[in-house]
Amino acid sequence: MAGFDAGFEAAGEVVAMGEGVTAPGPGPPRALLDGYIAAFERSDAGLLEQVLRADATLEATPFRDWQSGRARCVHMLGTYVLGTPGDWRMIATAANGRPAAVVYHRDAGGVLRADGAVVLTATATGVSRVVKFHDPALVAMFGFPDVLADTASLALRRR
């Protein structure tokens, strides 16, 4: 695990699992990922509080700043990122053996465009770490389109 984290941070990269990857199976990691996705899609900071551990950290490449502690993470995301319901869509997948999601953000024209990927470190007591990779090209690496037209059919395709 330490080697993964060191390489993950130093290289600032995520390894997509490739075509045919399925989202994490049932259980605590999947429930935490589903909760994280729901929080963003509903723009609900309260849901974030439920999935993040008290000592959670939040990192986003290429930014150098990071947040530590659930209250600070939730405040930052709620104030600067969440926006309004429907601004974000995420599709569950896996990266580097961890629960992850490809991320889409609604542009000024109302189109959901690739935004990057998020990788979670899920523990028995909640999400301890969130790393967001702000690189739209990662979405294609996971086998998803640049523009999201129909989330229902994509979700079914990835099962």
C-alpha atoms as a PDB file:
ATOM      1  CA  MET A   1       0.000   0.000   0.000  1.00  0.00           C
ATOM      2  CA  ALA A   2       2.779   2.468   0.814  1.00  0.00           C
ATOM      3  CA  GLY A   3       4.394   1.933  -2.564  1.00  0.00           C
ATOM      4  CA  PHE A   4       1.096   2.609  -4.272  1.00  0.00           C
ATOM      5  CA  ASP A   5       0.530   5.852  -2.401  1.00  0.00           C
ATOM      6  CA  ALA A   6       4.064   7.110  -2.958  1.00  0.00           C
ATOM      7  CA  GLY A   7       3.931   6.371  -6.680  1.00  0.00           C
ATOM      8  CA  PHE A   8       0.408   7.711  -6.954  1.00  0.00           C
ATOM      9  CA  GLU A   9       1.355  11.063  -5.446  1.00  0.00           C
ATOM     10  CA  ALA A  10       4.780  11.397  -7.002  1.00  0.00           C
ATOM     11  CA  ALA A  11       3.738  10.522 -10.519  1.00  0.00           C
ATOM     12  CA  GLY A  12       0.328  12.208 -10.280  1.00  0.00           C
ATOM     13  CA  GLU A  13      -1.176   9.518 -12.436  1.00  0.00           C
ATOM     14  CA  VAL A  14      -3.955   7.013 -12.317  1.00  0.00           C
ATOM     15  CA  VAL A  15      -3.960   3.690 -14.114  1.00  0.00           C
ATOM     16  CA  ALA A  16      -7.292   2.924 -15.722  1.00  0.00           C
ATOM     17  CA  MET A  17      -8.384  -0.661 -15.507  1.00  0.00           C
ATOM     18  CA  GLY A  18      -9.320  -0.705 -19.220  1.00  0.00           C
ATOM     19  CA  GLU A  19     -12.204  -2.059 -21.267  1.00  0.00           C
ATOM     20  CA  GLY A  20     -14.473  -4.552 -19.606  1.00  0.00           C
ATOM     21  CA  VAL A  21     -13.770  -3.246 -16.112  1.00  0.00           C
ATOM     22  CA  THR A  22     -16.660  -3.464 -13.752  1.00  0.00           C
ATOM     23  CA  ALA A  23     -17.325  -1.131 -10.883  1.00  0.00           C
ATOM     24  CA  PRO A  24     -16.415  -2.351  -7.386  1.00  0.00           C
ATOM     25  CA  GLY A  25     -18.697  -5.145  -6.206  1.00  0.00           C
ATOM     26  CA  PRO A  26     -21.187  -4.902  -3.374  1.00  0.00           C
ATOM     27  CA  GLY A  27     -19.908  -4.103   0.081  1.00  0.00           C
ATOM     28  CA  PRO A  28     -18.521  -1.181   2.018  1.00  0.00           C
ATOM     29  CA  PRO A  29     -16.214   0.231  -0.709  1.00  0.00           C
ATOM     30  CA  ARG A  30     -19.072   0.277  -3.236  1.00  0.00           C
ATOM     31  CA  ALA A  31     -21.488   1.806  -0.726  1.00  0.00           C
ATOM     32  CA  LEU A  32     -18.987   4.564   0.052  1.00  0.00           C
ATOM     33  CA  LEU A  33     -18.378   5.199  -3.654  1.00  0.00           C
ATOM     34  CA  ASP A  34     -22.129   5.311  -4.300  1.00  0.00           C
ATOM     35  CA  GLY A  35     -22.538   7.780  -1.428  1.00  0.00           C
ATOM     36  CA  TYR A  36     -19.739   9.988  -2.756  1.00  0.00           C
ATOM     37  CA  ILE A  37     -21.243   9.963  -6.251  1.00  0.00           C
ATOM     38  CA  ALA A  38     -24.727  10.743  -4.916  1.00  0.00           C
ATOM     39  CA  ALA A  39     -23.365  13.675  -2.887  1.00  0.00           C
ATOM     40  CA  PHE A  40     -21.888  15.266  -6.008  1.00  0.00           C
ATOM     41  CA  GLU A  41     -24.801  14.542  -8.307  1.00  0.00           C
ATOM     42  CA  ARG A  42     -27.247  15.995  -5.744  1.00  0.00           C
ATOM     43  CA  SER A  43     -24.870  18.785  -4.645  1.00  0.00           C
ATOM     44  CA  ASP A  44     -25.415  17.614  -1.075  1.00  0.00           C
ATOM     45  CA  ALA A  45     -22.639  18.431   1.398  1.00  0.00           C
ATOM     46  CA  GLY A  46     -24.530  16.507   4.093  1.00  0.00           C
ATOM     47  CA  LEU A  47     -24.069  13.275   2.164  1.00  0.00           C
ATOM     48  CA  LEU A  48     -20.342  13.971   1.942  1.00  0.00           C
ATOM     49  CA  GLU A  49     -20.234  14.201   5.735  1.00  0.00           C
ATOM     50  CA  GLN A  50     -21.723  10.715   5.919  1.00  0.00           C
ATOM     51  CA  VAL A  51     -19.104   9.051   3.709  1.00  0.00           C
ATOM     52  CA  LEU A  52     -15.924  10.897   4.740  1.00  0.00           C
ATOM     53  CA  ARG A  53     -13.989   9.933   7.848  1.00  0.00           C
ATOM     54  CA  ALA A  54     -13.229  12.646  10.401  1.00  0.00           C
ATOM     55  CA  ASP A  55      -9.563  12.547   9.323  1.00  0.00           C
ATOM     56  CA  ALA A  56     -10.244  12.441   5.567  1.00  0.00           C
ATOM     57  CA  THR A  57      -7.918  14.167   3.117  1.00  0.00           C
ATOM     58  CA  LEU A  58      -8.811  15.704  -0.221  1.00  0.00           C
ATOM     59  CA  GLU A  59      -6.291  16.229  -3.005  1.00  0.00           C
ATOM     60  CA  ALA A  60      -6.755  17.450  -6.553  1.00  0.00           C
ATOM     61  CA  THR A  61      -4.168  17.463  -9.305  1.00  0.00           C
ATOM     62  CA  PRO A  62      -2.628  19.638 -10.607  1.00  0.00           C
ATOM     63  CA  PHE A  63      -3.291  21.829  -7.564  1.00  0.00           C
ATOM     64  CA  ARG A  64      -0.776  21.821  -4.723  1.00  0.00           C
ATOM     65  CA  ASP A  65      -3.284  22.670  -1.992  1.00  0.00           C
ATOM     66  CA  TRP A  66      -5.026  19.872  -0.152  1.00  0.00           C
ATOM     67  CA  GLN A  67      -7.576  19.675   2.633  1.00  0.00           C
ATOM     68  CA  SER A  68      -7.419  17.594   5.784  1.00  0.00           C
ATOM     69  CA  GLY A  69     -10.315  16.778   8.081  1.00  0.00           C
ATOM     70  CA  ARG A  70     -13.931  16.114   7.168  1.00  0.00           C
ATOM     71  CA  ALA A  71     -15.150  19.592   8.150  1.00  0.00           C
ATOM     72  CA  ARG A  72     -12.556  21.355   5.982  1.00  0.00           C
ATOM     73  CA  CYS A  73     -13.094  18.995   3.043  1.00  0.00           C
ATOM     74  CA  VAL A  74     -16.872  19.358   3.149  1.00  0.00           C
ATOM     75  CA  HIS A  75     -16.648  23.145   3.553  1.00  0.00           C
ATOM     76  CA  MET A  76     -14.294  23.516   0.577  1.00  0.00           C
ATOM     77  CA  LEU A  77     -16.333  21.236  -1.685  1.00  0.00           C
ATOM     78  CA  GLY A  78     -19.641  22.756  -0.614  1.00  0.00           C
ATOM     79  CA  THR A  79     -18.428  26.317  -1.065  1.00  0.00           C
ATOM     80  CA  TYR A  80     -16.358  26.031  -4.244  1.00  0.00           C
ATOM     81  CA  VAL A  81     -17.147  22.816  -6.088  1.00  0.00           C
ATOM     82  CA  LEU A  82     -20.570  21.188  -5.652  1.00  0.00           C
ATOM     83  CA  GLY A  83     -22.639  23.835  -7.431  1.00  0.00           C
ATOM     84  CA  THR A  84     -26.251  22.871  -8.057  1.00  0.00           C
ATOM     85  CA  PRO A  85     -27.886  19.454  -8.522  1.00  0.00           C
ATOM     86  CA  GLY A  86     -27.146  18.083 -11.985  1.00  0.00           C
ATOM     87  CA  ASP A  87     -23.857  19.967 -12.456  1.00  0.00           C
ATOM     88  CA  TRP A  88     -21.902  16.728 -11.927  1.00  0.00           C
ATOM     89  CA  ARG A  89     -22.307  13.152 -13.124  1.00  0.00           C
ATOM     90  CA  MET A  90     -20.046  10.299 -12.120  1.00  0.00           C
ATOM     91  CA  ILE A  91     -19.886   6.706 -13.255  1.00  0.00           C
ATOM     92  CA  ALA A  92     -18.429   4.105 -10.903  1.00  0.00           C
ATOM     93  CA  THR A  93     -15.366   2.149 -11.974  1.00  0.00           C
ATOM     94  CA  ALA A  94     -12.066   1.055 -10.415  1.00  0.00           C
ATOM     95  CA  ALA A  95      -8.529   2.393 -10.651  1.00  0.00           C
ATOM     96  CA  ASN A  96      -5.372   0.907  -9.191  1.00  0.00           C
ATOM     97  CA  GLY A  97      -7.598  -1.602  -7.390  1.00  0.00           C
ATOM     98  CA  ARG A  98      -9.570   1.120  -5.612  1.00  0.00           C
ATOM     99  CA  PRO A  99     -13.098   2.440  -5.972  1.00  0.00           C
ATOM    100  CA  ALA A 100     -13.125   5.239  -8.518  1.00  0.00           C
ATOM    101  CA  ALA A 101     -15.408   7.191 -10.826  1.00  0.00           C
ATOM    102  CA  VAL A 102     -15.085   8.999 -14.098  1.00  0.00           C
ATOM    103  CA  VAL A 103     -16.295  12.557 -13.709  1.00  0.00           C
ATOM    104  CA  TYR A 104     -18.409  14.728 -16.000  1.00  0.00           C
ATOM    105  CA  HIS A 105     -19.226  18.403 -15.412  1.00  0.00           C
ATOM    106  CA  ARG A 106     -22.037  20.325 -17.081  1.00  0.00           C
ATOM    107  CA  ASP A 107     -20.727  23.186 -19.229  1.00  0.00           C
ATOM    108  CA  ALA A 108     -22.419  26.574 -19.813  1.00  0.00           C
ATOM    109  CA  GLY A 109     -24.366  25.045 -22.715  1.00  0.00           C
ATOM    110  CA  GLY A 110     -25.781  22.281 -20.515  1.00  0.00           C
ATOM    111  CA  VAL A 111     -23.602  19.505 -21.969  1.00  0.00           C
ATOM    112  CA  LEU A 112     -21.970  16.998 -19.609  1.00  0.00           C
ATOM    113  CA  ARG A 113     -18.313  16.934 -20.637  1.00  0.00           C
ATOM    114  CA  ALA A 114     -15.460  14.751 -19.405  1.00  0.00           C
ATOM    115  CA  ASP A 115     -13.722  16.358 -16.431  1.00  0.00           C
ATOM    116  CA  GLY A 116     -11.409  13.671 -15.054  1.00  0.00           C
ATOM    117  CA  ALA A 117     -11.428  10.880 -12.519  1.00  0.00           C
ATOM    118  CA  VAL A 118     -11.689  10.532  -8.770  1.00  0.00           C
ATOM    119  CA  VAL A 119     -10.104   7.722  -6.745  1.00  0.00           C
ATOM    120  CA  LEU A 120     -11.174   6.919  -3.183  1.00  0.00           C
ATOM    121  CA  THR A 121      -9.422   5.145  -0.358  1.00  0.00           C
ATOM    122  CA  ALA A 122     -12.280   3.313   1.334  1.00  0.00           C
ATOM    123  CA  THR A 123     -11.919   1.923   4.849  1.00  0.00           C
ATOM    124  CA  ALA A 124     -14.291   0.166   7.225  1.00  0.00           C
ATOM    125  CA  THR A 125     -15.031   3.532   8.861  1.00  0.00           C
ATOM    126  CA  GLY A 126     -15.467   5.660   5.729  1.00  0.00           C
ATOM    127  CA  VAL A 127     -13.483   7.327   2.970  1.00  0.00           C
ATOM    128  CA  SER A 128     -10.072   8.341   4.276  1.00  0.00           C
ATOM    129  CA  ARG A 129      -8.699   9.899   1.083  1.00  0.00           C
ATOM    130  CA  VAL A 130     -10.052  11.381  -2.126  1.00  0.00           C
ATOM    131  CA  VAL A 131      -7.796  12.197  -5.068  1.00  0.00           C
ATOM    132  CA  LYS A 132      -9.341  14.059  -8.025  1.00  0.00           C
ATOM    133  CA  PHE A 133      -7.443  14.039 -11.299  1.00  0.00           C
ATOM    134  CA  HIS A 134      -8.431  17.075 -13.373  1.00  0.00           C
ATOM    135  CA  ASP A 135      -7.620  15.553 -16.754  1.00  0.00           C
ATOM    136  CA  PRO A 136     -10.550  14.996 -19.143  1.00  0.00           C
ATOM    137  CA  ALA A 137      -8.423  12.562 -21.207  1.00  0.00           C
ATOM    138  CA  LEU A 138      -8.628  10.053 -18.339  1.00  0.00           C
ATOM    139  CA  VAL A 139     -12.328   9.504 -19.031  1.00  0.00           C
ATOM    140  CA  ALA A 140     -11.497   8.008 -22.435  1.00  0.00           C
ATOM    141  CA  MET A 141      -8.792   5.834 -20.835  1.00  0.00           C
ATOM    142  CA  PHE A 142     -11.563   4.228 -18.791  1.00  0.00           C
ATOM    143  CA  GLY A 143     -13.542   3.550 -21.987  1.00  0.00           C
ATOM    144  CA  PHE A 144     -16.142   6.304 -21.612  1.00  0.00           C
ATOM    145  CA  PRO A 145     -17.068   9.055 -24.099  1.00  0.00           C
ATOM    146  CA  ASP A 146     -15.983  12.696 -23.855  1.00  0.00           C
ATOM    147  CA  VAL A 147     -19.607  13.843 -23.808  1.00  0.00           C
ATOM    148  CA  LEU A 148     -22.195  12.063 -21.693  1.00  0.00           C
ATOM    149  CA  ALA A 149     -25.533  11.839 -23.451  1.00  0.00           C
ATOM    150  CA  ASP A 150     -27.372   8.998 -21.726  1.00  0.00           C
ATOM    151  CA  THR A 151     -26.168   7.995 -18.253  1.00  0.00           C
ATOM    152  CA  ALA A 152     -28.705   5.171 -17.936  1.00  0.00           C
ATOM    153  CA  SER A 153     -27.361   3.222 -20.926  1.00  0.00           C
ATOM    154  CA  LEU A 154     -23.726   3.793 -19.899  1.00  0.00           C
ATOM    155  CA  ALA A 155     -24.383   2.535 -16.394  1.00  0.00           C
ATOM    156  CA  LEU A 156     -25.985  -0.617 -17.769  1.00  0.00           C
ATOM    157  CA  ARG A 157     -23.082  -1.163 -20.165  1.00  0.00           C
ATOM    158  CA  ARG A 158     -20.543  -1.110 -17.309  1.00  0.00           C
ATOM    159  CA  ARG A 159     -22.292  -3.740 -15.135  1.00  0.00           C
END
